[in-house]
């Protein structure tokens, strides 16, 4: 486990949105908040939310990986990565953090997000793992195959991060069939409920918040 990334005691705002937040609305808020953080007008933000069913395309997305373009709205996200699905039952956690105060190392930041989610899943009885060459959080299924339970995609503007991670609590996994998730066709996707972890969104949020300081330092 790596050392916490924080080098400042500045406050972090935690926000949880009820209902389903439209993707354009979330993107506009993040863009505005990134500028405010960079200019010192607002604190860093960790934002928990859910989106209505949709697909987002990262900067490396290949058109051929969008299998069913008419299934849901498709948005260009501007984040790294390829296509992913967002929808009800999936906890999206957007991380708007000042990376200059956290060492200025984007690769280490992505590793910290992986560590954060793995620690949170462990609190819920699920063993998350990382795989070389495959960004995100993976689990080993009873038959020995592997499936993704958490997708990561970040963007950094003038050393302030945004976008973040999506963790599958109990989404409709069939909706991932409209894309090649994260460009990986040889492995599937799963969720906490599919693994038998009958926890609610509030419990997942609590695990994420409890694990945050272990990786990113105290608020």
C-alpha atoms as a PDB file:
ATOM      1  CA  UNK A   1       0.000   0.000   0.000  1.00  0.00           C
ATOM      2  CA  UNK A   2       1.354   3.417  -0.883  1.00  0.00           C
ATOM      3  CA  UNK A   3       1.653   6.432   1.376  1.00  0.00           C
ATOM      4  CA  UNK A   4      -1.311   8.863   1.453  1.00  0.00           C
ATOM      5  CA  UNK A   5      -1.176  11.453  -1.323  1.00  0.00           C
ATOM      6  CA  UNK A   6      -2.312  14.411   0.760  1.00  0.00           C
ATOM      7  CA  UNK A   7       0.193  17.120   1.667  1.00  0.00           C
ATOM      8  CA  UNK A   8      -2.300  19.694   2.853  1.00  0.00           C
ATOM      9  CA  UNK A   9      -4.935  19.933   5.574  1.00  0.00           C
ATOM     10  CA  UNK A  10      -7.359  21.821   3.321  1.00  0.00           C
ATOM     11  CA  UNK A  11     -11.003  20.810   3.734  1.00  0.00           C
ATOM     12  CA  UNK A  12     -12.734  18.516   1.254  1.00  0.00           C
ATOM     13  CA  UNK A  13     -16.432  18.866   0.455  1.00  0.00           C
ATOM     14  CA  UNK A  14     -18.409  15.624   0.308  1.00  0.00           C
ATOM     15  CA  UNK A  15     -21.598  15.711  -1.749  1.00  0.00           C
ATOM     16  CA  UNK A  16     -24.204  13.011  -2.401  1.00  0.00           C
ATOM     17  CA  UNK A  17     -26.886  13.699  -5.004  1.00  0.00           C
ATOM     18  CA  UNK A  18     -30.297  12.080  -4.785  1.00  0.00           C
ATOM     19  CA  UNK A  19     -32.046  10.856  -7.904  1.00  0.00           C
ATOM     20  CA  UNK A  20     -30.386  10.449 -11.297  1.00  0.00           C
ATOM     21  CA  UNK A  21     -28.136  13.307 -12.380  1.00  0.00           C
ATOM     22  CA  UNK A  22     -28.115  14.004 -16.158  1.00  0.00           C
ATOM     23  CA  UNK A  23     -24.624  13.612 -17.559  1.00  0.00           C
ATOM     24  CA  UNK A  24     -24.410  17.068 -19.212  1.00  0.00           C
ATOM     25  CA  UNK A  25     -25.401  18.653 -15.893  1.00  0.00           C
ATOM     26  CA  UNK A  26     -22.693  16.749 -14.035  1.00  0.00           C
ATOM     27  CA  UNK A  27     -20.078  17.608 -16.645  1.00  0.00           C
ATOM     28  CA  UNK A  28     -20.942  21.314 -16.500  1.00  0.00           C
ATOM     29  CA  UNK A  29     -20.715  21.338 -12.707  1.00  0.00           C
ATOM     30  CA  UNK A  30     -17.348  19.583 -12.785  1.00  0.00           C
ATOM     31  CA  UNK A  31     -15.957  22.007 -15.340  1.00  0.00           C
ATOM     32  CA  UNK A  32     -17.048  24.955 -13.223  1.00  0.00           C
ATOM     33  CA  UNK A  33     -15.732  23.434 -10.000  1.00  0.00           C
ATOM     34  CA  UNK A  34     -12.339  22.560 -11.502  1.00  0.00           C
ATOM     35  CA  UNK A  35     -11.812  26.233 -12.355  1.00  0.00           C
ATOM     36  CA  UNK A  36     -12.936  27.308  -8.891  1.00  0.00           C
ATOM     37  CA  UNK A  37     -10.573  24.873  -7.172  1.00  0.00           C
ATOM     38  CA  UNK A  38      -7.680  25.953  -9.361  1.00  0.00           C
ATOM     39  CA  UNK A  39      -8.356  29.621  -8.537  1.00  0.00           C
ATOM     40  CA  UNK A  40      -8.763  28.947  -4.809  1.00  0.00           C
ATOM     41  CA  UNK A  41     -12.459  29.866  -4.783  1.00  0.00           C
ATOM     42  CA  UNK A  42     -13.756  26.460  -3.695  1.00  0.00           C
ATOM     43  CA  UNK A  43     -12.526  23.413  -1.775  1.00  0.00           C
ATOM     44  CA  UNK A  44     -11.797  20.037  -3.309  1.00  0.00           C
ATOM     45  CA  UNK A  45     -14.861  17.868  -3.905  1.00  0.00           C
ATOM     46  CA  UNK A  46     -15.778  14.187  -3.714  1.00  0.00           C
ATOM     47  CA  UNK A  47     -19.179  13.789  -5.368  1.00  0.00           C
ATOM     48  CA  UNK A  48     -21.311  10.638  -5.101  1.00  0.00           C
ATOM     49  CA  UNK A  49     -24.128  10.273  -7.648  1.00  0.00           C
ATOM     50  CA  UNK A  50     -25.970   8.022 -10.082  1.00  0.00           C
ATOM     51  CA  UNK A  51     -26.689   8.741 -13.749  1.00  0.00           C
ATOM     52  CA  UNK A  52     -29.630   7.675 -15.916  1.00  0.00           C
ATOM     53  CA  UNK A  53     -28.693   4.915 -18.401  1.00  0.00           C
ATOM     54  CA  UNK A  54     -26.069   6.207 -20.851  1.00  0.00           C
ATOM     55  CA  UNK A  55     -22.742   5.469 -22.475  1.00  0.00           C
ATOM     56  CA  UNK A  56     -19.697   7.714 -22.305  1.00  0.00           C
ATOM     57  CA  UNK A  57     -16.756   7.712 -24.696  1.00  0.00           C
ATOM     58  CA  UNK A  58     -13.291   8.422 -23.371  1.00  0.00           C
ATOM     59  CA  UNK A  59     -10.508   9.918 -25.430  1.00  0.00           C
ATOM     60  CA  UNK A  60      -9.292   6.467 -26.545  1.00  0.00           C
ATOM     61  CA  UNK A  61     -12.718   5.104 -27.538  1.00  0.00           C
ATOM     62  CA  UNK A  62     -12.897   3.253 -30.863  1.00  0.00           C
ATOM     63  CA  UNK A  63     -16.141   3.597 -32.889  1.00  0.00           C
ATOM     64  CA  UNK A  64     -16.284  -0.176 -33.364  1.00  0.00           C
ATOM     65  CA  UNK A  65     -16.594  -0.621 -29.596  1.00  0.00           C
ATOM     66  CA  UNK A  66     -20.019   1.043 -29.580  1.00  0.00           C
ATOM     67  CA  UNK A  67     -22.060  -2.039 -30.467  1.00  0.00           C
ATOM     68  CA  UNK A  68     -25.570  -0.641 -29.996  1.00  0.00           C
ATOM     69  CA  UNK A  69     -25.440   3.145 -30.568  1.00  0.00           C
ATOM     70  CA  UNK A  70     -29.223   3.525 -30.384  1.00  0.00           C
ATOM     71  CA  UNK A  71     -29.659   1.841 -27.024  1.00  0.00           C
ATOM     72  CA  UNK A  72     -28.855   4.835 -24.815  1.00  0.00           C
ATOM     73  CA  UNK A  73     -27.538   8.400 -25.250  1.00  0.00           C
ATOM     74  CA  UNK A  74     -23.811   8.529 -25.929  1.00  0.00           C
ATOM     75  CA  UNK A  75     -21.651  11.365 -24.585  1.00  0.00           C
ATOM     76  CA  UNK A  76     -18.065  12.360 -25.281  1.00  0.00           C
ATOM     77  CA  UNK A  77     -16.635  12.492 -21.779  1.00  0.00           C
ATOM     78  CA  UNK A  78     -13.215  14.065 -22.304  1.00  0.00           C
ATOM     79  CA  UNK A  79     -11.738  11.678 -19.715  1.00  0.00           C
ATOM     80  CA  UNK A  80      -9.149   9.029 -20.383  1.00  0.00           C
ATOM     81  CA  UNK A  81     -10.217   5.523 -21.324  1.00  0.00           C
ATOM     82  CA  UNK A  82     -12.767   4.107 -23.748  1.00  0.00           C
ATOM     83  CA  UNK A  83     -16.495   3.376 -23.623  1.00  0.00           C
ATOM     84  CA  UNK A  84     -18.269   2.756 -20.347  1.00  0.00           C
ATOM     85  CA  UNK A  85     -21.826   2.471 -19.126  1.00  0.00           C
ATOM     86  CA  UNK A  86     -23.435   4.507 -16.352  1.00  0.00           C
ATOM     87  CA  UNK A  87     -26.851   3.884 -14.905  1.00  0.00           C
ATOM     88  CA  UNK A  88     -29.002   3.278 -11.834  1.00  0.00           C
ATOM     89  CA  UNK A  89     -27.458   0.955  -9.275  1.00  0.00           C
ATOM     90  CA  UNK A  90     -23.944   2.124 -10.060  1.00  0.00           C
ATOM     91  CA  UNK A  91     -22.128   4.427  -7.673  1.00  0.00           C
ATOM     92  CA  UNK A  92     -20.241   7.092  -9.549  1.00  0.00           C
ATOM     93  CA  UNK A  93     -17.656   8.911  -7.453  1.00  0.00           C
ATOM     94  CA  UNK A  94     -16.210  12.023  -9.049  1.00  0.00           C
ATOM     95  CA  UNK A  95     -12.904  13.203  -7.556  1.00  0.00           C
ATOM     96  CA  UNK A  96     -12.136  16.885  -7.983  1.00  0.00           C
ATOM     97  CA  UNK A  97      -8.786  17.151  -6.245  1.00  0.00           C
ATOM     98  CA  UNK A  98      -5.780  19.455  -6.458  1.00  0.00           C
ATOM     99  CA  UNK A  99      -3.011  17.135  -7.567  1.00  0.00           C
ATOM    100  CA  UNK A 100      -0.308  19.758  -7.133  1.00  0.00           C
ATOM    101  CA  UNK A 101      -0.878  19.463  -3.406  1.00  0.00           C
ATOM    102  CA  UNK A 102      -0.724  15.684  -3.798  1.00  0.00           C
ATOM    103  CA  UNK A 103       2.624  15.264  -5.498  1.00  0.00           C
ATOM    104  CA  UNK A 104       1.752  16.152  -9.109  1.00  0.00           C
ATOM    105  CA  UNK A 105       1.886  12.529 -10.255  1.00  0.00           C
ATOM    106  CA  UNK A 106      -1.124  11.467 -12.348  1.00  0.00           C
ATOM    107  CA  UNK A 107      -0.090   7.816 -12.597  1.00  0.00           C
ATOM    108  CA  UNK A 108       0.234   7.596  -8.835  1.00  0.00           C
ATOM    109  CA  UNK A 109      -3.151   9.280  -8.496  1.00  0.00           C
ATOM    110  CA  UNK A 110      -4.811   6.576 -10.619  1.00  0.00           C
ATOM    111  CA  UNK A 111      -3.091   3.927  -8.505  1.00  0.00           C
ATOM    112  CA  UNK A 112      -4.417   5.661  -5.398  1.00  0.00           C
ATOM    113  CA  UNK A 113      -7.972   5.483  -6.760  1.00  0.00           C
ATOM    114  CA  UNK A 114      -7.528   1.752  -7.342  1.00  0.00           C
ATOM    115  CA  UNK A 115      -6.209   1.338  -3.799  1.00  0.00           C
ATOM    116  CA  UNK A 116      -9.129   3.356  -2.405  1.00  0.00           C
ATOM    117  CA  UNK A 117     -11.768   1.221  -4.098  1.00  0.00           C
ATOM    118  CA  UNK A 118     -10.036  -2.043  -3.179  1.00  0.00           C
ATOM    119  CA  UNK A 119      -9.980  -1.016   0.487  1.00  0.00           C
ATOM    120  CA  UNK A 120     -13.652  -0.013   0.367  1.00  0.00           C
ATOM    121  CA  UNK A 121     -14.674  -3.315  -1.245  1.00  0.00           C
ATOM    122  CA  UNK A 122     -12.717  -5.233   1.388  1.00  0.00           C
ATOM    123  CA  UNK A 123     -14.856  -3.568   4.060  1.00  0.00           C
ATOM    124  CA  UNK A 124     -17.854  -5.120   2.289  1.00  0.00           C
ATOM    125  CA  UNK A 125     -16.342  -8.589   2.068  1.00  0.00           C
ATOM    126  CA  UNK A 126     -15.286  -8.441  -1.591  1.00  0.00           C
ATOM    127  CA  UNK A 127     -11.697  -8.883  -2.754  1.00  0.00           C
ATOM    128  CA  UNK A 128     -10.896  -6.382  -5.483  1.00  0.00           C
ATOM    129  CA  UNK A 129      -7.676  -6.672  -7.437  1.00  0.00           C
ATOM    130  CA  UNK A 130      -5.715  -4.834 -10.116  1.00  0.00           C
ATOM    131  CA  UNK A 131      -4.306  -6.324 -13.292  1.00  0.00           C
ATOM    132  CA  UNK A 132      -1.276  -5.211 -15.284  1.00  0.00           C
ATOM    133  CA  UNK A 133      -2.395  -3.474 -18.456  1.00  0.00           C
ATOM    134  CA  UNK A 134      -6.056  -3.315 -17.382  1.00  0.00           C
ATOM    135  CA  UNK A 135      -7.044  -0.156 -15.528  1.00  0.00           C
ATOM    136  CA  UNK A 136      -9.864  -0.648 -13.075  1.00  0.00           C
ATOM    137  CA  UNK A 137     -10.871  -3.000 -10.290  1.00  0.00           C
ATOM    138  CA  UNK A 138     -11.288  -6.705 -10.956  1.00  0.00           C
ATOM    139  CA  UNK A 139     -12.639  -9.703  -9.064  1.00  0.00           C
ATOM    140  CA  UNK A 140     -12.090 -13.420  -9.547  1.00  0.00           C
ATOM    141  CA  UNK A 141     -15.368 -15.306 -10.010  1.00  0.00           C
ATOM    142  CA  UNK A 142     -16.048 -18.776  -8.566  1.00  0.00           C
ATOM    143  CA  UNK A 143     -15.279 -20.405 -11.935  1.00  0.00           C
ATOM    144  CA  UNK A 144     -11.856 -18.752 -12.018  1.00  0.00           C
ATOM    145  CA  UNK A 145     -12.710 -16.165 -14.651  1.00  0.00           C
ATOM    146  CA  UNK A 146     -12.295 -12.458 -14.017  1.00  0.00           C
ATOM    147  CA  UNK A 147     -14.769  -9.609 -14.241  1.00  0.00           C
ATOM    148  CA  UNK A 148     -14.588  -5.872 -13.762  1.00  0.00           C
ATOM    149  CA  UNK A 149     -16.492  -4.352 -10.861  1.00  0.00           C
ATOM    150  CA  UNK A 150     -15.078  -0.815 -10.978  1.00  0.00           C
ATOM    151  CA  UNK A 151     -14.118   1.380 -13.947  1.00  0.00           C
ATOM    152  CA  UNK A 152     -11.719   4.317 -13.660  1.00  0.00           C
ATOM    153  CA  UNK A 153     -11.417   7.280 -15.994  1.00  0.00           C
ATOM    154  CA  UNK A 154      -9.907  10.616 -15.032  1.00  0.00           C
ATOM    155  CA  UNK A 155      -9.024  13.922 -16.600  1.00  0.00           C
ATOM    156  CA  UNK A 156      -6.636  16.517 -15.239  1.00  0.00           C
ATOM    157  CA  UNK A 157      -6.811  20.213 -16.069  1.00  0.00           C
ATOM    158  CA  UNK A 158      -4.071  22.463 -14.733  1.00  0.00           C
ATOM    159  CA  UNK A 159      -3.400  19.848 -12.053  1.00  0.00           C
ATOM    160  CA  UNK A 160      -7.000  19.570 -10.861  1.00  0.00           C
ATOM    161  CA  UNK A 161      -8.584  16.156 -11.420  1.00  0.00           C
ATOM    162  CA  UNK A 162     -12.148  15.383 -12.368  1.00  0.00           C
ATOM    163  CA  UNK A 163     -14.250  12.387 -13.436  1.00  0.00           C
ATOM    164  CA  UNK A 164     -13.257   9.387 -11.331  1.00  0.00           C
ATOM    165  CA  UNK A 165     -14.613   5.900 -10.694  1.00  0.00           C
ATOM    166  CA  UNK A 166     -17.826   3.921 -11.256  1.00  0.00           C
ATOM    167  CA  UNK A 167     -18.530   0.950  -8.977  1.00  0.00           C
ATOM    168  CA  UNK A 168     -21.202  -1.595  -9.822  1.00  0.00           C
ATOM    169  CA  UNK A 169     -23.504  -2.115  -6.859  1.00  0.00           C
ATOM    170  CA  UNK A 170     -26.548  -3.600  -8.622  1.00  0.00           C
ATOM    171  CA  UNK A 171     -26.922  -2.113 -12.119  1.00  0.00           C
ATOM    172  CA  UNK A 172     -28.566  -4.014 -14.972  1.00  0.00           C
ATOM    173  CA  UNK A 173     -25.465  -5.778 -16.262  1.00  0.00           C
ATOM    174  CA  UNK A 174     -27.182  -6.476 -19.583  1.00  0.00           C
ATOM    175  CA  UNK A 175     -26.730  -2.797 -20.457  1.00  0.00           C
ATOM    176  CA  UNK A 176     -22.968  -3.318 -20.767  1.00  0.00           C
ATOM    177  CA  UNK A 177     -23.641  -5.446 -23.849  1.00  0.00           C
ATOM    178  CA  UNK A 178     -24.203  -2.308 -25.924  1.00  0.00           C
ATOM    179  CA  UNK A 179     -20.472  -1.528 -25.763  1.00  0.00           C
ATOM    180  CA  UNK A 180     -17.113  -3.207 -25.381  1.00  0.00           C
ATOM    181  CA  UNK A 181     -16.566  -2.019 -21.801  1.00  0.00           C
ATOM    182  CA  UNK A 182     -13.281  -0.162 -21.532  1.00  0.00           C
ATOM    183  CA  UNK A 183     -12.213  -1.836 -24.784  1.00  0.00           C
ATOM    184  CA  UNK A 184     -11.866  -5.254 -23.112  1.00  0.00           C
ATOM    185  CA  UNK A 185     -13.917  -8.014 -24.735  1.00  0.00           C
ATOM    186  CA  UNK A 186     -12.292 -11.085 -23.180  1.00  0.00           C
ATOM    187  CA  UNK A 187     -13.575 -10.378 -19.664  1.00  0.00           C
ATOM    188  CA  UNK A 188     -17.034  -9.543 -18.378  1.00  0.00           C
ATOM    189  CA  UNK A 189     -18.452  -7.180 -15.782  1.00  0.00           C
ATOM    190  CA  UNK A 190     -20.033  -7.942 -12.440  1.00  0.00           C
ATOM    191  CA  UNK A 191     -21.542  -6.206  -9.421  1.00  0.00           C
ATOM    192  CA  UNK A 192     -21.567  -6.455  -5.659  1.00  0.00           C
ATOM    193  CA  UNK A 193     -25.038  -8.005  -5.718  1.00  0.00           C
ATOM    194  CA  UNK A 194     -24.052 -10.511  -8.409  1.00  0.00           C
ATOM    195  CA  UNK A 195     -21.216 -11.571  -6.118  1.00  0.00           C
ATOM    196  CA  UNK A 196     -23.669 -12.093  -3.252  1.00  0.00           C
ATOM    197  CA  UNK A 197     -22.807  -8.930  -1.306  1.00  0.00           C
ATOM    198  CA  UNK A 198     -26.318  -7.702  -0.469  1.00  0.00           C
ATOM    199  CA  UNK A 199     -25.333  -4.218   0.632  1.00  0.00           C
ATOM    200  CA  UNK A 200     -27.037  -0.928  -0.112  1.00  0.00           C
ATOM    201  CA  UNK A 201     -25.737   2.255  -1.668  1.00  0.00           C
ATOM    202  CA  UNK A 202     -25.419   3.918   1.741  1.00  0.00           C
ATOM    203  CA  UNK A 203     -23.181   1.077   2.932  1.00  0.00           C
ATOM    204  CA  UNK A 204     -20.999   1.364  -0.157  1.00  0.00           C
ATOM    205  CA  UNK A 205     -20.733   5.118   0.350  1.00  0.00           C
ATOM    206  CA  UNK A 206     -19.781   4.621   3.996  1.00  0.00           C
ATOM    207  CA  UNK A 207     -17.058   2.152   3.017  1.00  0.00           C
ATOM    208  CA  UNK A 208     -15.672   4.567   0.434  1.00  0.00           C
ATOM    209  CA  UNK A 209     -15.642   7.447   2.857  1.00  0.00           C
ATOM    210  CA  UNK A 210     -14.051   5.378   5.616  1.00  0.00           C
ATOM    211  CA  UNK A 211     -11.291   4.227   3.253  1.00  0.00           C
ATOM    212  CA  UNK A 212     -10.605   7.646   1.768  1.00  0.00           C
ATOM    213  CA  UNK A 213      -8.316   8.929   4.521  1.00  0.00           C
ATOM    214  CA  UNK A 214      -6.251   5.735   4.406  1.00  0.00           C
ATOM    215  CA  UNK A 215      -5.221   6.556   0.843  1.00  0.00           C
ATOM    216  CA  UNK A 216      -5.648  10.297   0.339  1.00  0.00           C
ATOM    217  CA  UNK A 217      -4.973  11.422   3.902  1.00  0.00           C
ATOM    218  CA  UNK A 218      -7.238  13.112   6.406  1.00  0.00           C
ATOM    219  CA  UNK A 219      -9.703  15.734   5.258  1.00  0.00           C
END
